[in-house]
Amino acid sequence: MKWLYSIEQPHRSLSHAESLAGLKKIYDVLSPSPNTPRTKALVILANIEGFSITQIAKHLAITRKTVRGYLAEFQSNGEEGLFNGKTRSRKSQDPELKKTFLPFYMNRRLYTDSTELHGE
């Protein structure tokens, strides 16, 4: 079991024999990014089981800030919010922002295009 635990850790190092065996890609797949659904689920379940934020972060090789973020997202928005990603709208979609800055952008672009044409 110790071997299984050790290969699951993202910060493990490949031994010389493993790298020669052509298994680097296989081992890389075992270390998903901290944003995978598996990692998020493990954070929630470990917290429910009573593990501290520090313990969870250390075991999953992620920051305490990431753990707190997943817990806050789960508490605020449940499973849907945790697994469906951020729901913030983009600033570029804000109608007020477009109304304010689009004329400025268009005028600047027209000016830049015309100076390039005339060599100014």
Protein backbone atom coordinates (compact mmCIF):
# COMPACT_ATOMS: atom_id res chain seq x y z
CA MET A 1 0.00 0.00 0.00
CA LYS A 2 2.90 2.35 0.67
CA TRP A 3 3.99 2.03 -2.98
CA LEU A 4 0.45 2.77 -4.22
CA TYR A 5 0.23 5.83 -1.98
CA SER A 6 3.65 7.05 -3.13
CA ILE A 7 2.91 6.86 -6.85
CA GLU A 8 -0.34 8.80 -6.46
CA GLN A 9 1.49 11.82 -5.09
CA PRO A 10 2.08 14.57 -7.68
CA HIS A 11 5.49 15.41 -6.20
CA ARG A 12 6.93 11.89 -6.55
CA SER A 13 10.08 11.38 -8.61
CA LEU A 14 10.58 8.78 -11.28
CA SER A 15 13.24 6.22 -10.64
CA HIS A 16 15.77 5.55 -13.36
CA ALA A 17 14.16 2.17 -14.14
CA GLU A 18 10.70 3.72 -14.61
CA SER A 19 11.92 6.34 -17.03
CA LEU A 20 13.83 3.74 -19.05
CA ALA A 21 10.77 1.53 -19.26
CA GLY A 22 8.97 4.24 -21.26
CA LEU A 23 6.29 4.74 -18.63
CA LYS A 24 6.71 8.47 -18.06
CA LYS A 25 3.37 9.27 -19.71
CA ILE A 26 1.65 6.61 -17.62
CA TYR A 27 3.05 8.15 -14.44
CA ASP A 28 2.18 11.68 -15.61
CA VAL A 29 -1.47 10.69 -15.92
CA LEU A 30 -1.47 9.75 -12.25
CA SER A 31 -0.71 13.37 -11.29
CA PRO A 32 -3.62 15.41 -12.56
CA SER A 33 -3.74 19.14 -12.07
CA PRO A 34 -5.25 20.45 -8.83
CA ASN A 35 -8.36 21.51 -10.72
CA THR A 36 -9.56 18.04 -11.64
CA PRO A 37 -12.94 16.86 -10.37
CA ARG A 38 -11.18 14.04 -8.51
CA THR A 39 -9.08 16.47 -6.50
CA LYS A 40 -12.07 18.68 -5.74
CA ALA A 41 -14.09 15.66 -4.61
CA LEU A 42 -11.25 14.44 -2.38
CA VAL A 43 -11.01 17.87 -0.74
CA ILE A 44 -14.72 17.87 0.12
CA LEU A 45 -14.79 14.27 1.34
CA ALA A 46 -11.61 14.64 3.41
CA ASN A 47 -13.02 17.77 5.03
CA ILE A 48 -16.26 15.96 5.88
CA GLU A 49 -14.17 13.16 7.42
CA GLY A 50 -12.55 15.74 9.69
CA PHE A 51 -9.14 16.25 8.09
CA SER A 52 -7.68 19.72 8.49
CA ILE A 53 -7.07 22.06 5.58
CA THR A 54 -3.32 21.64 6.08
CA GLN A 55 -3.55 17.85 6.04
CA ILE A 56 -5.68 17.86 2.89
CA ALA A 57 -3.38 20.29 1.11
CA LYS A 58 -0.28 18.34 2.02
CA HIS A 59 -1.71 14.98 0.97
CA LEU A 60 -3.00 16.27 -2.37
CA ALA A 61 0.05 18.49 -2.96
CA ILE A 62 -2.05 21.62 -3.42
CA THR A 63 -2.08 24.91 -1.53
CA ARG A 64 -4.22 25.59 1.52
CA LYS A 65 -5.70 28.49 -0.43
CA THR A 66 -6.91 26.06 -3.11
CA VAL A 67 -8.45 23.79 -0.46
CA ARG A 68 -10.23 26.74 1.16
CA GLY A 69 -11.45 27.88 -2.26
CA TYR A 70 -12.96 24.48 -3.06
CA LEU A 71 -14.61 24.29 0.36
CA ALA A 72 -16.05 27.80 0.00
CA GLU A 73 -17.33 27.06 -3.50
CA PHE A 74 -18.96 23.86 -2.29
CA GLN A 75 -20.51 25.60 0.70
CA SER A 76 -21.89 28.44 -1.44
CA ASN A 77 -23.01 26.60 -4.55
CA GLY A 78 -22.97 22.88 -3.77
CA GLU A 79 -21.85 20.21 -6.20
CA GLU A 80 -23.00 22.15 -9.24
CA GLY A 81 -20.84 25.15 -8.42
CA LEU A 82 -17.85 23.04 -7.51
CA PHE A 83 -17.79 20.96 -10.67
CA ASN A 84 -19.17 23.39 -13.24
CA GLY A 85 -16.46 25.98 -12.81
CA LYS A 86 -16.67 29.72 -12.42
CA THR A 87 -19.88 31.45 -13.36
CA ARG A 88 -18.58 35.02 -13.42
CA SER A 89 -19.50 36.95 -16.50
CA ARG A 90 -16.72 38.42 -18.55
CA LYS A 91 -16.13 42.14 -18.39
CA SER A 92 -16.22 42.26 -22.19
CA GLN A 93 -19.87 41.15 -22.07
CA ASP A 94 -20.92 44.01 -19.81
CA PRO A 95 -23.17 46.33 -21.90
CA GLU A 96 -22.21 49.43 -19.88
CA LEU A 97 -18.53 48.74 -20.40
CA LYS A 98 -19.02 48.24 -24.12
CA LYS A 99 -20.99 51.47 -24.40
CA THR A 100 -18.24 53.39 -22.60
CA PHE A 101 -15.13 51.98 -24.24
CA LEU A 102 -16.17 50.86 -27.71
CA PRO A 103 -16.19 54.37 -29.21
CA PHE A 104 -12.75 55.04 -27.71
CA TYR A 105 -11.40 51.78 -29.08
CA MET A 106 -12.87 52.36 -32.55
CA ASN A 107 -11.53 55.94 -32.76
CA ARG A 108 -8.09 54.80 -31.65
CA ARG A 109 -8.09 51.98 -34.16
CA LEU A 110 -9.17 54.29 -37.00
CA TYR A 111 -6.43 56.76 -36.04
CA THR A 112 -3.78 54.01 -35.90
CA ASP A 113 -4.87 52.52 -39.22
CA SER A 114 -4.88 55.92 -40.97
CA THR A 115 -1.41 56.89 -39.70
CA GLU A 116 -0.01 53.57 -40.89
CA LEU A 117 -1.47 54.19 -44.36
CA HIS A 118 -0.11 57.72 -44.62
CA GLY A 119 3.25 57.02 -42.97
CA GLU A 120 2.80 59.51 -40.17
